[in-house]
Amino acid sequence: MRTQIDEQNKNLETTMDKLRGLENVMMIINSIEDLSKENGEASKNITICNQDIEGYNSQVDGVQKKVDEVQQIINSMHEDKNKELDHQKRA
């Protein structure tokens, strides 16, 4: 009788070990599913951020063009001033 109880206890222990192992596997599967969802959300956020960056780059290009135009005007004014100074020196 005692050996039968010991044997049943061993079987119970083995079964419990297997159940704990399955529980661990389920936790891993759930973690993978959660990470997969987070990855999908992160990918969407990255796409949105890349679109924002493209928009900002476009705005930067527009501002740079305006800066270049103003710089050309400034350079032209410097040239005109230098020409005027040369004419005054010659006179």
Protein backbone atom coordinates (compact mmCIF):
# COMPACT_ATOMS: atom_id res chain seq x y z
CA MET A 1 0.00 0.00 0.00
CA ARG A 2 2.79 2.39 0.92
CA THR A 3 4.62 1.79 -2.36
CA GLN A 4 1.40 2.41 -4.26
CA ILE A 5 0.96 5.76 -2.51
CA ASP A 6 4.59 6.68 -3.22
CA GLU A 7 4.11 5.73 -6.84
CA GLN A 8 0.96 7.81 -7.12
CA ASN A 9 2.75 10.75 -5.47
CA LYS A 10 5.55 10.46 -8.03
CA ASN A 11 2.98 10.40 -10.83
CA LEU A 12 1.26 13.41 -9.30
CA GLU A 13 4.58 15.24 -9.03
CA THR A 14 5.40 14.44 -12.65
CA THR A 15 1.98 15.64 -13.74
CA MET A 16 2.35 18.84 -11.70
CA ASP A 17 5.79 19.46 -13.27
CA LYS A 18 4.27 19.06 -16.71
CA LEU A 19 1.43 21.45 -15.82
CA ARG A 20 3.92 24.04 -14.55
CA GLY A 21 5.87 23.61 -17.77
CA LEU A 22 2.70 24.15 -19.80
CA GLU A 23 1.86 27.19 -17.71
CA ASN A 24 5.31 28.61 -18.48
CA VAL A 25 4.79 27.92 -22.18
CA MET A 26 1.42 29.74 -22.06
CA MET A 27 3.04 32.73 -20.35
CA ILE A 28 5.70 32.81 -23.07
CA ILE A 29 3.02 32.61 -25.79
CA ASN A 30 1.08 35.45 -24.16
CA SER A 31 4.25 37.53 -23.90
CA ILE A 32 5.00 36.92 -27.58
CA GLU A 33 1.46 37.97 -28.51
CA ASP A 34 1.77 41.14 -26.42
CA LEU A 35 5.14 41.95 -27.96
CA SER A 36 3.71 41.35 -31.41
CA LYS A 37 0.90 43.84 -30.73
CA GLU A 38 3.37 46.38 -29.36
CA ASN A 39 5.57 45.87 -32.41
CA GLY A 40 2.62 46.57 -34.70
CA GLU A 41 1.78 49.75 -32.81
CA ALA A 42 5.43 50.83 -32.85
CA SER A 43 5.58 50.25 -36.61
CA LYS A 44 2.51 52.45 -37.08
CA ASN A 45 4.10 55.16 -34.92
CA ILE A 46 7.34 54.94 -36.90
CA THR A 47 5.40 55.34 -40.15
CA ILE A 48 3.58 58.39 -38.78
CA CYS A 49 6.86 59.89 -37.52
CA ASN A 50 8.52 59.32 -40.90
CA GLN A 51 5.64 61.12 -42.60
CA ASP A 52 6.00 63.98 -40.12
CA ILE A 53 9.74 64.13 -40.83
CA GLU A 54 9.09 64.30 -44.57
CA GLY A 55 6.68 67.18 -43.97
CA TYR A 56 9.19 68.99 -41.78
CA ASN A 57 11.94 68.46 -44.35
CA SER A 58 9.67 69.97 -46.98
CA GLN A 59 9.09 72.98 -44.74
CA VAL A 60 12.83 73.29 -44.13
CA ASP A 61 13.41 73.27 -47.89
CA GLY A 62 10.89 76.09 -48.28
CA VAL A 63 12.52 78.15 -45.55
CA GLN A 64 15.98 77.47 -47.01
CA LYS A 65 14.83 78.78 -50.40
CA LYS A 66 13.60 81.97 -48.74
CA VAL A 67 16.89 82.31 -46.85
CA ASP A 68 18.81 81.87 -50.11
CA GLU A 69 16.68 84.54 -51.79
CA VAL A 70 17.27 86.98 -48.92
CA GLN A 71 21.00 86.17 -48.99
CA GLN A 72 21.11 86.96 -52.70
CA ILE A 73 19.43 90.29 -52.03
CA ILE A 74 21.94 91.03 -49.25
CA ASN A 75 24.86 90.07 -51.52
CA SER A 76 23.47 92.27 -54.28
CA MET A 77 23.15 95.18 -51.86
CA HIS A 78 26.76 94.66 -50.70
CA GLU A 79 27.93 94.69 -54.32
CA ASP A 80 25.96 97.85 -55.02
CA LYS A 81 27.41 99.50 -51.92
CA ASN A 82 30.95 98.49 -52.88
CA LYS A 83 30.44 99.87 -56.41
CA GLU A 84 29.13 103.11 -54.96
CA LEU A 85 32.16 103.35 -52.64
CA ASP A 86 34.46 102.74 -55.61
CA HIS A 87 32.74 105.52 -57.56
CA GLN A 88 33.07 107.86 -54.59
CA LYS A 89 36.78 107.01 -54.24
CA ARG A 90 37.35 107.73 -57.93
CA ALA A 91 35.56 111.03 -57.73
